[in-house]
Amino acid sequence: MENGGTVYGANPKEKSHFSHFIKKGAVRIETQGSWTGNTVAFRNPEGSTVIVLSDPFNDERELFLNDGFTTNCFILEPNSFNTIILS
């Protein structure tokens, strides 16, 4: 903000990550590891898992995600907001 002031809530693009992919009736599930502070995860009623996370750093970062069965690597762009959907 150029002139100071207060901002409440996330911007519309960030809100859309939640409202579009996380369905009514979803439950929040636990996350573990070094990204936990920047991550929330939900299990939708139909069984998909939605992970929403931010990369607040000024450089690309690797995220290794293990769902209990497989481990996947994702490259996060600097200062990005990301949604990962596991079916």
PDB file of N, CA and C in Angstrom:
ATOM      1  N   MET A   1       0.830  -1.169   0.000  1.00  0.00           N
ATOM      2  CA  MET A   1       0.000   0.000   0.000  1.00  0.00           C
ATOM      3  C   MET A   1       0.875   1.233   0.000  1.00  0.00           C
ATOM      4  N   GLU A   2       0.629   2.123  -0.903  1.00  0.00           N
ATOM      5  CA  GLU A   2       1.467   3.308  -1.017  1.00  0.00           C
ATOM      6  C   GLU A   2       1.218   4.313   0.095  1.00  0.00           C
ATOM      7  N   ASN A   3      -0.031   4.485   0.507  1.00  0.00           N
ATOM      8  CA  ASN A   3      -0.368   5.525   1.472  1.00  0.00           C
ATOM      9  C   ASN A   3      -0.689   4.983   2.859  1.00  0.00           C
ATOM     10  N   GLY A   4      -0.300   3.756   3.148  1.00  0.00           N
ATOM     11  CA  GLY A   4      -0.592   3.171   4.449  1.00  0.00           C
ATOM     12  C   GLY A   4      -2.032   2.709   4.526  1.00  0.00           C
ATOM     13  N   GLY A   5      -2.451   2.299   5.701  1.00  0.00           N
ATOM     14  CA  GLY A   5      -3.822   1.832   5.875  1.00  0.00           C
ATOM     15  C   GLY A   5      -3.841   0.385   6.306  1.00  0.00           C
ATOM     16  N   THR A   6      -5.019  -0.170   6.325  1.00  0.00           N
ATOM     17  CA  THR A   6      -5.215  -1.538   6.780  1.00  0.00           C
ATOM     18  C   THR A   6      -5.849  -2.364   5.685  1.00  0.00           C
ATOM     19  N   VAL A   7      -5.376  -3.583   5.531  1.00  0.00           N
ATOM     20  CA  VAL A   7      -5.945  -4.512   4.560  1.00  0.00           C
ATOM     21  C   VAL A   7      -6.500  -5.696   5.335  1.00  0.00           C
ATOM     22  N   TYR A   8      -7.755  -6.061   5.062  1.00  0.00           N
ATOM     23  CA  TYR A   8      -8.386  -7.192   5.731  1.00  0.00           C
ATOM     24  C   TYR A   8      -8.586  -8.323   4.744  1.00  0.00           C
ATOM     25  N   GLY A   9      -8.166  -9.533   5.113  1.00  0.00           N
ATOM     26  CA  GLY A   9      -8.406 -10.709   4.286  1.00  0.00           C
ATOM     27  C   GLY A   9      -7.454 -10.814   3.118  1.00  0.00           C
ATOM     28  N   ALA A  10      -7.602 -11.922   2.417  1.00  0.00           N
ATOM     29  CA  ALA A  10      -6.766 -12.206   1.253  1.00  0.00           C
ATOM     30  C   ALA A  10      -7.310 -11.483   0.034  1.00  0.00           C
ATOM     31  N   ASN A  11      -6.478 -11.367  -0.986  1.00  0.00           N
ATOM     32  CA  ASN A  11      -6.958 -10.761  -2.223  1.00  0.00           C
ATOM     33  C   ASN A  11      -7.873 -11.753  -2.943  1.00  0.00           C
ATOM     34  N   PRO A  12      -8.677 -11.276  -3.894  1.00  0.00           N
ATOM     35  CA  PRO A  12      -9.650 -12.158  -4.561  1.00  0.00           C
ATOM     36  C   PRO A  12      -9.025 -13.379  -5.224  1.00  0.00           C
ATOM     37  N   LYS A  13      -7.834 -13.239  -5.809  1.00  0.00           N
ATOM     38  CA  LYS A  13      -7.188 -14.383  -6.451  1.00  0.00           C
ATOM     39  C   LYS A  13      -6.866 -15.460  -5.425  1.00  0.00           C
ATOM     40  N   GLU A  14      -6.369 -15.055  -4.256  1.00  0.00           N
ATOM     41  CA  GLU A  14      -6.063 -16.028  -3.210  1.00  0.00           C
ATOM     42  C   GLU A  14      -7.334 -16.680  -2.684  1.00  0.00           C
ATOM     43  N   LYS A  15      -8.391 -15.911  -2.502  1.00  0.00           N
ATOM     44  CA  LYS A  15      -9.661 -16.471  -2.026  1.00  0.00           C
ATOM     45  C   LYS A  15     -10.201 -17.509  -3.000  1.00  0.00           C
ATOM     46  N   SER A  16      -9.979 -17.300  -4.297  1.00  0.00           N
ATOM     47  CA  SER A  16     -10.516 -18.236  -5.287  1.00  0.00           C
ATOM     48  C   SER A  16      -9.870 -19.614  -5.164  1.00  0.00           C
ATOM     49  N   HIS A  17      -8.638 -19.687  -4.660  1.00  0.00           N
ATOM     50  CA  HIS A  17      -8.001 -20.989  -4.447  1.00  0.00           C
ATOM     51  C   HIS A  17      -8.826 -21.811  -3.462  1.00  0.00           C
ATOM     52  N   PHE A  18      -9.397 -21.149  -2.473  1.00  0.00           N
ATOM     53  CA  PHE A  18     -10.197 -21.848  -1.476  1.00  0.00           C
ATOM     54  C   PHE A  18     -11.606 -22.121  -1.989  1.00  0.00           C
ATOM     55  N   SER A  19     -12.286 -21.111  -2.486  1.00  0.00           N
ATOM     56  CA  SER A  19     -13.698 -21.274  -2.840  1.00  0.00           C
ATOM     57  C   SER A  19     -13.910 -22.150  -4.064  1.00  0.00           C
ATOM     58  N   HIS A  20     -12.964 -22.216  -4.966  1.00  0.00           N
ATOM     59  CA  HIS A  20     -13.141 -23.001  -6.186  1.00  0.00           C
ATOM     60  C   HIS A  20     -12.820 -24.483  -5.976  1.00  0.00           C
ATOM     61  N   PHE A  21     -11.793 -24.783  -5.226  1.00  0.00           N
ATOM     62  CA  PHE A  21     -11.306 -26.153  -5.126  1.00  0.00           C
ATOM     63  C   PHE A  21     -11.742 -26.884  -3.858  1.00  0.00           C
ATOM     64  N   ILE A  22     -11.984 -26.153  -2.787  1.00  0.00           N
ATOM     65  CA  ILE A  22     -12.398 -26.775  -1.529  1.00  0.00           C
ATOM     66  C   ILE A  22     -13.918 -26.748  -1.476  1.00  0.00           C
ATOM     67  N   LYS A  23     -14.509 -27.928  -1.452  1.00  0.00           N
ATOM     68  CA  LYS A  23     -15.958 -28.063  -1.586  1.00  0.00           C
ATOM     69  C   LYS A  23     -16.655 -28.048  -0.231  1.00  0.00           C
ATOM     70  N   LYS A  24     -17.939 -27.727  -0.258  1.00  0.00           N
ATOM     71  CA  LYS A  24     -18.762 -27.742   0.949  1.00  0.00           C
ATOM     72  C   LYS A  24     -18.683 -29.135   1.577  1.00  0.00           C
ATOM     73  N   GLY A  25     -18.454 -29.162   2.877  1.00  0.00           N
ATOM     74  CA  GLY A  25     -18.329 -30.433   3.580  1.00  0.00           C
ATOM     75  C   GLY A  25     -16.901 -30.935   3.697  1.00  0.00           C
ATOM     76  N   ALA A  26     -15.942 -30.221   3.106  1.00  0.00           N
ATOM     77  CA  ALA A  26     -14.532 -30.621   3.214  1.00  0.00           C
ATOM     78  C   ALA A  26     -14.075 -30.501   4.664  1.00  0.00           C
ATOM     79  N   VAL A  27     -13.118 -31.342   5.028  1.00  0.00           N
ATOM     80  CA  VAL A  27     -12.548 -31.275   6.374  1.00  0.00           C
ATOM     81  C   VAL A  27     -11.060 -30.964   6.274  1.00  0.00           C
ATOM     82  N   ARG A  28     -10.599 -30.161   7.218  1.00  0.00           N
ATOM     83  CA  ARG A  28      -9.182 -29.816   7.234  1.00  0.00           C
ATOM     84  C   ARG A  28      -8.390 -31.017   7.729  1.00  0.00           C
ATOM     85  N   ILE A  29      -7.256 -31.260   7.083  1.00  0.00           N
ATOM     86  CA  ILE A  29      -6.398 -32.365   7.497  1.00  0.00           C
ATOM     87  C   ILE A  29      -5.026 -31.826   7.897  1.00  0.00           C
ATOM     88  N   GLU A  30      -4.350 -32.567   8.726  1.00  0.00           N
ATOM     89  CA  GLU A  30      -3.065 -32.158   9.273  1.00  0.00           C
ATOM     90  C   GLU A  30      -1.975 -32.167   8.206  1.00  0.00           C
ATOM     91  N   THR A  31      -1.085 -31.199   8.289  1.00  0.00           N
ATOM     92  CA  THR A  31       0.123 -31.196   7.468  1.00  0.00           C
ATOM     93  C   THR A  31       1.325 -31.240   8.409  1.00  0.00           C
ATOM     94  N   GLN A  32       2.433 -31.745   7.907  1.00  0.00           N
ATOM     95  CA  GLN A  32       3.657 -31.831   8.696  1.00  0.00           C
ATOM     96  C   GLN A  32       4.828 -31.400   7.832  1.00  0.00           C
ATOM     97  N   GLY A  33       5.878 -30.946   8.475  1.00  0.00           N
ATOM     98  CA  GLY A  33       7.094 -30.608   7.753  1.00  0.00           C
ATOM     99  C   GLY A  33       7.372 -29.122   7.731  1.00  0.00           C
ATOM    100  N   SER A  34       8.398 -28.760   6.979  1.00  0.00           N
ATOM    101  CA  SER A  34       8.886 -27.380   6.981  1.00  0.00           C
ATOM    102  C   SER A  34       7.934 -26.391   6.323  1.00  0.00           C
ATOM    103  N   TRP A  35       6.984 -26.851   5.516  1.00  0.00           N
ATOM    104  CA  TRP A  35       6.041 -25.950   4.845  1.00  0.00           C
ATOM    105  C   TRP A  35       4.752 -25.746   5.635  1.00  0.00           C
ATOM    106  N   THR A  36       4.615 -26.376   6.790  1.00  0.00           N
ATOM    107  CA  THR A  36       3.362 -26.356   7.541  1.00  0.00           C
ATOM    108  C   THR A  36       2.859 -24.943   7.824  1.00  0.00           C
ATOM    109  N   GLY A  37       3.739 -24.014   8.101  1.00  0.00           N
ATOM    110  CA  GLY A  37       3.327 -22.644   8.399  1.00  0.00           C
ATOM    111  C   GLY A  37       2.721 -21.907   7.222  1.00  0.00           C
ATOM    112  N   ASN A  38       2.962 -22.386   6.012  1.00  0.00           N
ATOM    113  CA  ASN A  38       2.454 -21.736   4.798  1.00  0.00           C
ATOM    114  C   ASN A  38       1.446 -22.603   4.064  1.00  0.00           C
ATOM    115  N   THR A  39       0.920 -23.632   4.734  1.00  0.00           N
ATOM    116  CA  THR A  39       0.110 -24.635   4.051  1.00  0.00           C
ATOM    117  C   THR A  39      -1.155 -24.964   4.830  1.00  0.00           C
ATOM    118  N   VAL A  40      -2.259 -25.154   4.101  1.00  0.00           N
ATOM    119  CA  VAL A  40      -3.461 -25.768   4.665  1.00  0.00           C
ATOM    120  C   VAL A  40      -3.902 -26.856   3.698  1.00  0.00           C
ATOM    121  N   ALA A  41      -4.482 -27.910   4.241  1.00  0.00           N
ATOM    122  CA  ALA A  41      -4.927 -29.024   3.399  1.00  0.00           C
ATOM    123  C   ALA A  41      -6.325 -29.446   3.823  1.00  0.00           C
ATOM    124  N   PHE A  42      -7.121 -29.859   2.833  1.00  0.00           N
ATOM    125  CA  PHE A  42      -8.499 -30.278   3.072  1.00  0.00           C
ATOM    126  C   PHE A  42      -8.791 -31.548   2.293  1.00  0.00           C
ATOM    127  N   ARG A  43      -9.671 -32.382   2.836  1.00  0.00           N
ATOM    128  CA  ARG A  43     -10.174 -33.544   2.112  1.00  0.00           C
ATOM    129  C   ARG A  43     -11.615 -33.241   1.750  1.00  0.00           C
ATOM    130  N   ASN A  44     -11.887 -33.240   0.440  1.00  0.00           N
ATOM    131  CA  ASN A  44     -13.236 -32.995  -0.059  1.00  0.00           C
ATOM    132  C   ASN A  44     -14.110 -34.229   0.132  1.00  0.00           C
ATOM    133  N   PRO A  45     -15.434 -34.047   0.172  1.00  0.00           N
ATOM    134  CA  PRO A  45     -16.341 -35.182   0.380  1.00  0.00           C
ATOM    135  C   PRO A  45     -16.159 -36.313  -0.631  1.00  0.00           C
ATOM    136  N   GLU A  46     -15.776 -36.004  -1.875  1.00  0.00           N
ATOM    137  CA  GLU A  46     -15.621 -37.062  -2.882  1.00  0.00           C
ATOM    138  C   GLU A  46     -14.267 -37.756  -2.792  1.00  0.00           C
ATOM    139  N   GLY A  47     -13.389 -37.300  -1.866  1.00  0.00           N
ATOM    140  CA  GLY A  47     -12.132 -37.989  -1.622  1.00  0.00           C
ATOM    141  C   GLY A  47     -10.879 -37.279  -2.098  1.00  0.00           C
ATOM    142  N   SER A  48     -11.006 -36.235  -2.898  1.00  0.00           N
ATOM    143  CA  SER A  48      -9.804 -35.522  -3.342  1.00  0.00           C
ATOM    144  C   SER A  48      -9.209 -34.738  -2.172  1.00  0.00           C
ATOM    145  N   THR A  49      -7.911 -34.509  -2.245  1.00  0.00           N
ATOM    146  CA  THR A  49      -7.211 -33.712  -1.244  1.00  0.00           C
ATOM    147  C   THR A  49      -6.730 -32.438  -1.912  1.00  0.00           C
ATOM    148  N   VAL A  50      -6.986 -31.304  -1.269  1.00  0.00           N
ATOM    149  CA  VAL A  50      -6.592 -30.001  -1.797  1.00  0.00           C
ATOM    150  C   VAL A  50      -5.589 -29.389  -0.836  1.00  0.00           C
ATOM    151  N   ILE A  51      -4.422 -29.026  -1.362  1.00  0.00           N
ATOM    152  CA  ILE A  51      -3.384 -28.375  -0.575  1.00  0.00           C
ATOM    153  C   ILE A  51      -3.217 -26.968  -1.127  1.00  0.00           C
ATOM    154  N   VAL A  52      -3.351 -25.975  -0.259  1.00  0.00           N
ATOM    155  CA  VAL A  52      -3.164 -24.581  -0.655  1.00  0.00           C
ATOM    156  C   VAL A  52      -1.965 -24.061   0.123  1.00  0.00           C
ATOM    157  N   LEU A  53      -0.983 -23.514  -0.599  1.00  0.00           N
ATOM    158  CA  LEU A  53       0.218 -23.042   0.073  1.00  0.00           C
ATOM    159  C   LEU A  53       0.821 -21.851  -0.646  1.00  0.00           C
ATOM    160  N   SER A  54       1.605 -21.107   0.102  1.00  0.00           N
ATOM    161  CA  SER A  54       2.301 -19.966  -0.480  1.00  0.00           C
ATOM    162  C   SER A  54       3.802 -20.182  -0.370  1.00  0.00           C
ATOM    163  N   ASP A  55       4.515 -19.656  -1.355  1.00  0.00           N
ATOM    164  CA  ASP A  55       5.977 -19.594  -1.304  1.00  0.00           C
ATOM    165  C   ASP A  55       6.319 -18.124  -1.086  1.00  0.00           C
ATOM    166  N   PRO A  56       6.596 -17.718   0.147  1.00  0.00           N
ATOM    167  CA  PRO A  56       6.854 -16.311   0.428  1.00  0.00           C
ATOM    168  C   PRO A  56       8.282 -15.879   0.119  1.00  0.00           C
ATOM    169  N   PHE A  57       9.075 -16.781  -0.410  1.00  0.00           N
ATOM    170  CA  PHE A  57      10.489 -16.499  -0.628  1.00  0.00           C
ATOM    171  C   PHE A  57      10.726 -15.867  -1.996  1.00  0.00           C
ATOM    172  N   ASN A  58      11.861 -15.229  -2.149  1.00  0.00           N
ATOM    173  CA  ASN A  58      12.193 -14.530  -3.393  1.00  0.00           C
ATOM    174  C   ASN A  58      12.883 -15.422  -4.412  1.00  0.00           C
ATOM    175  N   ASP A  59      12.882 -16.720  -4.167  1.00  0.00           N
ATOM    176  CA  ASP A  59      13.475 -17.641  -5.126  1.00  0.00           C
ATOM    177  C   ASP A  59      12.608 -18.891  -5.233  1.00  0.00           C
ATOM    178  N   GLU A  60      12.851 -19.649  -6.294  1.00  0.00           N
ATOM    179  CA  GLU A  60      12.131 -20.899  -6.520  1.00  0.00           C
ATOM    180  C   GLU A  60      12.430 -21.873  -5.393  1.00  0.00           C
ATOM    181  N   ARG A  61      11.428 -22.638  -4.980  1.00  0.00           N
ATOM    182  CA  ARG A  61      11.616 -23.635  -3.927  1.00  0.00           C
ATOM    183  C   ARG A  61      11.026 -24.972  -4.358  1.00  0.00           C
ATOM    184  N   GLU A  62      11.623 -26.049  -3.876  1.00  0.00           N
ATOM    185  CA  GLU A  62      11.082 -27.385  -4.110  1.00  0.00           C
ATOM    186  C   GLU A  62      10.185 -27.770  -2.948  1.00  0.00           C
ATOM    187  N   LEU A  63       9.075 -28.386  -3.266  1.00  0.00           N
ATOM    188  CA  LEU A  63       8.176 -28.939  -2.265  1.00  0.00           C
ATOM    189  C   LEU A  63       8.059 -30.427  -2.529  1.00  0.00           C
ATOM    190  N   PHE A  64       8.390 -31.232  -1.539  1.00  0.00           N
ATOM    191  CA  PHE A  64       8.199 -32.675  -1.640  1.00  0.00           C
ATOM    192  C   PHE A  64       6.956 -33.017  -0.845  1.00  0.00           C
ATOM    193  N   LEU A  65       5.992 -33.599  -1.520  1.00  0.00           N
ATOM    194  CA  LEU A  65       4.699 -33.889  -0.914  1.00  0.00           C
ATOM    195  C   LEU A  65       4.478 -35.392  -0.888  1.00  0.00           C
ATOM    196  N   ASN A  66       4.291 -35.927   0.312  1.00  0.00           N
ATOM    197  CA  ASN A  66       4.039 -37.357   0.476  1.00  0.00           C
ATOM    198  C   ASN A  66       2.631 -37.526   1.024  1.00  0.00           C
ATOM    199  N   ASP A  67       1.803 -38.256   0.295  1.00  0.00           N
ATOM    200  CA  ASP A  67       0.414 -38.469   0.714  1.00  0.00           C
ATOM    201  C   ASP A  67       0.228 -39.790   1.459  1.00  0.00           C
ATOM    202  N   GLY A  68       1.320 -40.420   1.843  1.00  0.00           N
ATOM    203  CA  GLY A  68       1.254 -41.704   2.523  1.00  0.00           C
ATOM    204  C   GLY A  68       1.495 -42.875   1.588  1.00  0.00           C
ATOM    205  N   PHE A  69       1.420 -42.617   0.288  1.00  0.00           N
ATOM    206  CA  PHE A  69       1.627 -43.669  -0.711  1.00  0.00           C
ATOM    207  C   PHE A  69       2.768 -43.321  -1.662  1.00  0.00           C
ATOM    208  N   THR A  70       2.780 -42.097  -2.134  1.00  0.00           N
ATOM    209  CA  THR A  70       3.800 -41.659  -3.086  1.00  0.00           C
ATOM    210  C   THR A  70       4.336 -40.292  -2.676  1.00  0.00           C
ATOM    211  N   THR A  71       5.529 -39.976  -3.165  1.00  0.00           N
ATOM    212  CA  THR A  71       6.123 -38.662  -2.950  1.00  0.00           C
ATOM    213  C   THR A  71       6.240 -37.972  -4.298  1.00  0.00           C
ATOM    214  N   ASN A  72       5.763 -36.740  -4.362  1.00  0.00           N
ATOM    215  CA  ASN A  72       5.845 -35.931  -5.577  1.00  0.00           C
ATOM    216  C   ASN A  72       6.639 -34.675  -5.281  1.00  0.00           C
ATOM    217  N   CYS A  73       7.363 -34.191  -6.280  1.00  0.00           N
ATOM    218  CA  CYS A  73       8.125 -32.955  -6.150  1.00  0.00           C
ATOM    219  C   CYS A  73       7.452 -31.871  -6.981  1.00  0.00           C
ATOM    220  N   PHE A  74       7.247 -30.718  -6.383  1.00  0.00           N
ATOM    221  CA  PHE A  74       6.672 -29.569  -7.071  1.00  0.00           C
ATOM    222  C   PHE A  74       7.656 -28.414  -6.964  1.00  0.00           C
ATOM    223  N   ILE A  75       7.795 -27.651  -8.032  1.00  0.00           N
ATOM    224  CA  ILE A  75       8.632 -26.453  -8.028  1.00  0.00           C
ATOM    225  C   ILE A  75       7.709 -25.256  -7.849  1.00  0.00           C
ATOM    226  N   LEU A  76       7.927 -24.493  -6.780  1.00  0.00           N
ATOM    227  CA  LEU A  76       7.097 -23.335  -6.482  1.00  0.00           C
ATOM    228  C   LEU A  76       7.801 -22.072  -6.950  1.00  0.00           C
ATOM    229  N   GLU A  77       7.090 -21.264  -7.687  1.00  0.00           N
ATOM    230  CA  GLU A  77       7.635 -19.994  -8.161  1.00  0.00           C
ATOM    231  C   GLU A  77       7.826 -19.037  -6.981  1.00  0.00           C
ATOM    232  N   PRO A  78       8.754 -18.098  -7.095  1.00  0.00           N
ATOM    233  CA  PRO A  78       8.972 -17.130  -6.018  1.00  0.00           C
ATOM    234  C   PRO A  78       7.699 -16.332  -5.728  1.00  0.00           C
ATOM    235  N   ASN A  79       7.455 -16.059  -4.459  1.00  0.00           N
ATOM    236  CA  ASN A  79       6.322 -15.234  -4.031  1.00  0.00           C
ATOM    237  C   ASN A  79       5.013 -15.673  -4.674  1.00  0.00           C
ATOM    238  N   SER A  80       4.749 -16.966  -4.650  1.00  0.00           N
ATOM    239  CA  SER A  80       3.569 -17.493  -5.343  1.00  0.00           C
ATOM    240  C   SER A  80       2.560 -18.080  -4.365  1.00  0.00           C
ATOM    241  N   PHE A  81       1.336 -18.221  -4.849  1.00  0.00           N
ATOM    242  CA  PHE A  81       0.235 -18.841  -4.121  1.00  0.00           C
ATOM    243  C   PHE A  81      -0.187 -20.029  -4.957  1.00  0.00           C
ATOM    244  N   ASN A  82      -0.262 -21.227  -4.381  1.00  0.00           N
ATOM    245  CA  ASN A  82      -0.407 -22.453  -5.156  1.00  0.00           C
ATOM    246  C   ASN A  82      -1.513 -23.345  -4.617  1.00  0.00           C
ATOM    247  N   THR A  83      -2.165 -24.070  -5.521  1.00  0.00           N
ATOM    248  CA  THR A  83      -3.141 -25.085  -5.150  1.00  0.00           C
ATOM    249  C   THR A  83      -2.736 -26.393  -5.805  1.00  0.00           C
ATOM    250  N   ILE A  84      -2.663 -27.452  -5.004  1.00  0.00           N
ATOM    251  CA  ILE A  84      -2.343 -28.790  -5.500  1.00  0.00           C
ATOM    252  C   ILE A  84      -3.530 -29.683  -5.174  1.00  0.00           C
ATOM    253  N   ILE A  85      -3.999 -30.431  -6.168  1.00  0.00           N
ATOM    254  CA  ILE A  85      -5.137 -31.324  -5.975  1.00  0.00           C
ATOM    255  C   ILE A  85      -4.678 -32.753  -6.209  1.00  0.00           C
ATOM    256  N   LEU A  86      -4.900 -33.597  -5.218  1.00  0.00           N
ATOM    257  CA  LEU A  86      -4.587 -35.019  -5.327  1.00  0.00           C
ATOM    258  C   LEU A  86      -5.904 -35.776  -5.398  1.00  0.00           C
ATOM    259  N   SER A  87      -6.060 -36.589  -6.436  1.00  0.00           N
ATOM    260  CA  SER A  87      -7.312 -37.341  -6.602  1.00  0.00           C
ATOM    261  C   SER A  87      -7.203 -38.707  -5.983  1.00  0.00           C
TER     262      SER A  87
END
